[in-house]
Protein backbone atom coordinates (compact mmCIF):
# COMPACT_ATOMS: atom_id res chain seq x y z
CA MET A 1 -13.17 -37.35 24.00
CA THR A 2 -16.21 -34.83 22.97
CA LEU A 3 -19.44 -34.72 22.76
CA THR A 4 -20.63 -32.27 20.17
CA ASN A 5 -23.64 -32.80 19.02
CA LYS A 6 -24.90 -34.50 21.69
CA VAL A 7 -27.98 -34.22 23.65
CA ALA A 8 -28.30 -35.40 27.86
CA LEU A 9 -30.81 -36.08 29.63
CA ILE A 10 -29.51 -36.50 32.97
CA THR A 11 -31.28 -36.71 36.10
CA GLY A 12 -30.66 -34.74 39.73
CA GLY A 13 -28.19 -33.51 37.85
CA ASN A 14 -28.11 -30.32 40.97
CA GLY A 15 -27.43 -32.77 43.17
CA PHE A 16 -24.38 -33.18 44.40
CA LEU A 17 -22.65 -35.06 42.16
CA GLY A 18 -24.39 -33.71 39.19
CA GLN A 19 -23.26 -30.76 39.42
CA HIS A 20 -19.69 -31.96 39.12
CA PHE A 21 -21.14 -34.36 35.96
CA VAL A 22 -22.87 -31.17 34.01
CA SER A 23 -20.72 -29.50 34.31
CA ALA A 24 -17.94 -31.90 32.64
CA LEU A 25 -20.99 -33.49 29.95
CA LYS A 26 -20.96 -29.54 28.92
CA ASN A 27 -17.36 -29.10 29.42
CA ALA A 28 -16.89 -31.34 26.35
CA GLY A 29 -19.29 -30.30 24.21
CA ALA A 30 -23.12 -31.94 24.81
CA THR A 31 -25.92 -29.80 25.30
CA VAL A 32 -26.90 -31.22 29.28
CA VAL A 33 -31.09 -30.49 29.74
CA VAL A 34 -30.68 -30.86 33.89
CA THR A 35 -34.11 -32.73 35.46
CA GLY A 36 -34.53 -32.36 38.90
CA HIS A 37 -37.32 -30.60 40.97
CA ASP A 38 -36.54 -27.81 42.13
CA ASN A 39 -36.98 -24.18 40.10
CA THR A 40 -32.81 -24.55 39.15
CA ALA A 41 -33.97 -27.01 36.86
CA ASP A 42 -34.22 -26.94 32.89
CA ILE A 43 -37.08 -29.23 33.30
CA SER A 44 -39.03 -30.67 36.16
CA LEU A 45 -38.89 -34.43 36.63
CA ASP A 46 -39.99 -37.00 39.22
CA VAL A 47 -38.39 -39.87 38.72
CA THR A 48 -41.01 -41.54 40.45
CA GLY A 49 -43.67 -40.68 38.57
CA ARG A 50 -44.30 -42.52 34.89
CA GLU A 51 -46.40 -39.19 33.59
CA SER A 52 -43.72 -36.67 34.80
CA ILE A 53 -40.95 -39.08 33.03
CA THR A 54 -42.73 -39.16 29.68
CA ASN A 55 -43.77 -35.50 29.55
CA ALA A 56 -39.65 -34.55 30.66
CA PHE A 57 -38.63 -36.57 27.19
CA GLU A 58 -41.89 -35.41 25.09
CA GLN A 59 -40.45 -31.94 25.59
CA VAL A 60 -36.96 -32.49 25.66
CA MET A 61 -37.65 -34.35 21.44
CA GLN A 62 -39.94 -30.96 21.06
CA LYS A 63 -36.87 -28.66 21.01
CA HIS A 64 -33.57 -31.30 20.79
CA GLY A 65 -35.85 -33.45 18.35
CA LYS A 66 -33.39 -36.48 19.88
CA ILE A 67 -31.59 -37.67 22.94
CA ASP A 68 -28.56 -39.57 22.56
CA VAL A 69 -27.26 -40.02 25.90
CA VAL A 70 -29.25 -40.31 29.16
CA ILE A 71 -27.81 -41.01 32.60
CA ASN A 72 -29.51 -42.24 35.71
CA ASN A 73 -28.48 -40.07 38.38
CA ALA A 74 -30.83 -38.84 41.30
CA ALA A 75 -30.61 -41.14 44.43
CA ILE A 76 -31.90 -41.16 47.56
CA ASP A 77 -27.95 -41.70 49.82
CA PRO A 78 -29.60 -42.34 53.62
CA LYS A 79 -27.44 -40.92 55.41
CA PHE A 80 -27.01 -41.02 60.08
CA ASP A 81 -24.66 -39.50 62.12
CA ALA A 82 -24.26 -40.72 66.30
CA SER A 83 -27.17 -38.68 67.41
CA ALA A 84 -29.40 -40.05 65.25
CA ASP A 85 -31.97 -42.74 67.09
CA GLN A 86 -30.17 -45.74 68.18
CA ASN A 87 -33.43 -47.72 67.05
CA THR A 88 -34.62 -46.86 62.76
CA LYS A 89 -30.14 -46.37 62.15
CA LEU A 90 -29.47 -49.79 62.55
CA PHE A 91 -30.36 -53.11 60.15
CA GLU A 92 -32.58 -54.75 63.04
CA ASN A 93 -34.48 -51.80 63.29
CA TYR A 94 -34.36 -49.64 60.05
CA PRO A 95 -37.66 -48.42 59.20
CA GLU A 96 -39.68 -50.33 56.37
CA GLU A 97 -40.49 -47.01 54.66
CA LEU A 98 -37.27 -45.86 54.00
CA ILE A 99 -36.65 -49.38 52.31
CA LYS A 100 -39.93 -48.32 50.33
CA GLN A 101 -38.40 -44.63 49.39
CA SER A 102 -35.25 -46.12 48.04
CA LEU A 103 -37.18 -48.49 45.89
CA ASP A 104 -39.07 -46.39 44.13
CA VAL A 105 -36.56 -44.06 43.64
CA ASN A 106 -33.26 -45.48 43.51
CA LEU A 107 -34.20 -48.46 41.90
CA LEU A 108 -37.77 -48.13 40.58
CA GLY A 109 -36.82 -45.20 39.25
CA TYR A 110 -33.85 -45.80 37.16
CA THR A 111 -36.15 -48.35 35.51
CA LEU A 112 -38.74 -46.04 34.69
CA VAL A 113 -36.33 -43.64 33.30
CA ALA A 114 -34.48 -46.23 31.47
CA GLN A 115 -38.39 -47.43 30.20
CA GLU A 116 -38.37 -43.82 28.54
CA ALA A 117 -35.41 -43.83 26.74
CA VAL A 118 -35.28 -46.62 25.44
CA LYS A 119 -38.85 -45.72 23.78
CA ARG A 120 -36.60 -42.88 22.57
CA MET A 121 -33.71 -44.53 21.38
CA LEU A 122 -35.30 -47.19 19.43
CA PRO A 123 -37.04 -45.40 16.45
CA GLN A 124 -32.94 -43.47 16.59
CA GLY A 125 -31.31 -46.86 15.75
CA ASN A 126 -29.26 -45.51 18.55
CA GLY A 127 -28.84 -44.53 22.03
CA ASN A 128 -26.71 -44.52 24.85
CA ILE A 129 -28.41 -45.01 28.37
CA ILE A 130 -25.67 -44.60 31.15
CA ASN A 131 -26.72 -45.12 35.08
CA ILE A 132 -24.64 -43.80 38.29
CA SER A 133 -24.06 -46.46 41.12
CA SER A 134 -21.61 -46.64 44.40
CA ILE A 135 -19.01 -49.32 45.12
CA TYR A 136 -21.92 -50.75 47.93
CA GLY A 137 -23.10 -52.18 44.83
CA VAL A 138 -20.16 -54.33 44.04
CA VAL A 139 -18.98 -55.27 47.58
CA GLY A 140 -20.17 -55.21 51.09
CA PRO A 141 -20.24 -52.12 53.55
CA ASP A 142 -17.11 -51.98 56.32
CA GLN A 143 -18.91 -50.47 58.99
CA ARG A 144 -16.51 -50.21 61.20
CA ILE A 145 -15.21 -46.76 59.15
CA TYR A 146 -18.84 -45.06 60.51
CA PRO A 147 -19.47 -43.51 64.21
CA GLY A 148 -20.21 -45.74 66.40
CA GLY A 149 -23.31 -47.01 67.25
CA THR A 150 -24.22 -46.47 62.79
CA GLN A 151 -24.32 -48.50 59.77
CA LYS A 152 -24.75 -47.87 55.89
CA PRO A 153 -28.29 -49.16 55.92
CA VAL A 154 -29.65 -51.48 53.37
CA ASP A 155 -31.99 -49.95 51.87
CA TYR A 156 -28.47 -48.46 49.53
CA PHE A 157 -26.52 -51.47 48.76
CA ILE A 158 -29.68 -53.65 47.65
CA THR A 159 -31.25 -51.12 45.04
CA LYS A 160 -27.12 -50.25 44.02
CA GLY A 161 -26.83 -53.68 42.93
CA GLY A 162 -30.19 -53.96 41.73
CA VAL A 163 -28.88 -51.12 38.98
CA VAL A 164 -26.33 -53.16 37.85
CA MET A 165 -28.21 -55.44 37.56
CA LEU A 166 -30.80 -53.60 34.91
CA THR A 167 -27.36 -52.19 33.25
CA LYS A 168 -26.67 -55.61 31.78
CA PHE A 169 -30.54 -56.05 31.60
CA LEU A 170 -30.64 -53.47 29.49
CA ALA A 171 -27.23 -54.30 27.64
CA THR A 172 -28.36 -57.58 26.64
CA THR A 173 -31.55 -56.64 25.25
CA TYR A 174 -31.25 -53.99 23.25
CA GLY A 175 -27.18 -54.14 22.41
CA ASN A 176 -28.79 -55.28 18.47
CA LYS A 177 -30.55 -52.38 18.48
CA GLY A 178 -28.53 -50.02 18.93
CA ILE A 179 -28.45 -48.90 22.21
CA ARG A 180 -25.76 -49.04 25.19
CA ALA A 181 -25.51 -49.16 28.77
CA ASN A 182 -23.46 -48.76 31.50
CA THR A 183 -23.50 -48.56 34.66
CA LEU A 184 -20.28 -46.14 36.39
CA THR A 185 -19.66 -46.93 40.14
CA LEU A 186 -17.96 -45.05 42.23
CA GLY A 187 -16.22 -45.38 45.36
CA GLY A 188 -16.68 -42.06 48.85
CA VAL A 189 -16.66 -38.49 47.22
CA PHE A 190 -15.67 -35.98 49.24
CA LYS A 191 -17.90 -33.70 51.27
CA ASP A 192 -16.54 -31.98 54.59
CA HIS A 193 -16.01 -35.70 55.73
CA ASN A 194 -14.51 -35.59 58.83
CA LYS A 195 -10.73 -36.49 59.38
CA ASP A 196 -11.34 -39.43 61.35
CA PHE A 197 -14.29 -40.06 58.46
CA THR A 198 -11.70 -39.71 55.60
CA ASP A 199 -8.46 -41.41 57.88
CA LYS A 200 -10.05 -44.85 58.08
CA TYR A 201 -11.79 -44.75 54.76
CA GLY A 202 -8.08 -43.71 52.91
CA SER A 203 -6.71 -46.24 54.82
CA ARG A 204 -9.17 -49.31 52.69
CA THR A 205 -7.77 -47.85 49.81
CA PRO A 206 -4.37 -48.23 46.98
CA LEU A 207 -4.41 -44.42 46.83
CA GLY A 208 -5.18 -44.13 50.70
CA ARG A 209 -7.74 -41.04 50.14
CA MET A 210 -11.60 -40.37 48.93
CA ALA A 211 -11.88 -39.41 45.44
CA ASN A 212 -12.17 -35.33 44.84
CA PRO A 213 -15.84 -34.36 43.08
CA GLU A 214 -13.23 -33.11 40.02
CA GLU A 215 -12.68 -36.55 39.34
CA VAL A 216 -16.04 -37.99 38.97
CA GLY A 217 -17.09 -35.72 35.73
CA GLY A 218 -14.73 -37.34 33.04
CA PRO A 219 -15.03 -41.43 33.63
CA LEU A 220 -18.67 -40.08 33.13
CA VAL A 221 -17.57 -37.97 29.62
CA PHE A 222 -15.94 -41.08 28.52
CA LEU A 223 -18.82 -43.55 29.22
CA ALA A 224 -21.01 -41.15 27.03
CA SER A 225 -18.57 -40.60 24.38
CA ASP A 226 -18.02 -42.62 21.20
CA ASP A 227 -14.67 -43.00 22.19
CA SER A 228 -16.45 -46.38 24.38
CA SER A 229 -18.32 -47.91 21.78
CA TYR A 230 -17.60 -51.01 21.74
CA MET A 231 -18.49 -51.83 25.57
CA THR A 232 -21.90 -51.90 26.76
CA GLY A 233 -23.14 -53.75 29.67
CA ALA A 234 -20.33 -53.14 31.92
CA ASN A 235 -19.44 -51.60 35.39
CA LEU A 236 -16.83 -48.83 34.65
CA ILE A 237 -15.53 -49.33 38.59
CA ILE A 238 -13.52 -45.72 40.57
CA ASP A 239 -12.86 -46.02 43.77
CA GLY A 240 -9.38 -44.97 44.53
CA GLY A 241 -8.69 -49.20 44.62
CA LEU A 242 -11.09 -50.15 46.93
CA THR A 243 -12.60 -53.34 45.93
CA ALA A 244 -9.48 -54.52 44.20
CA TRP A 245 -8.39 -55.89 47.90
């Protein structure tokens, strides 16, 4: 799989998963434009602001003359520990403002970035949009694996499920214009989780463990490459088999 001569823009490229995605894309030969909020990003991009998104895409077009691949990766992944306020952790009391914030970033943000991508890709006659999602956009949570009195919050599920349908909309609407769209859905990826959690999570997967961060890049490169040229509207699930049960 090679990405030589391809220009790829990724949102949230300096986050935990984003860094591994960027490394894999670069190793495959892509020219990668990392967007985000901090000073280490190549270009500043706020996924909740249309003007910010448009300006970022214009900068890429001016410098590179094209955008082959756009990766929607920037997202809020809410987490609560056992010391958090009980009233704000459980669904029946989960704050409205947190739900709206996740909707703005995880769903509206993906949609606005995809809109700008399509605008740039239509004149090219080709393009590739990859939306990063989670198994929690496909299946409900097993809340038993989380610390007592905590829940994985509802906003993550409803936004990640929406991402899968955004991909299907893009694929069926613009496939005849040469634009592909696919979802990369990941299961749990290890990041300093404690043994109790990793044991519980691992027991839910046929492979018996969480993903290692180094395992997420290859599937993304595949979707970004021409080796997946007959794929669109698909949801590539990398979860150690969790959703097979």
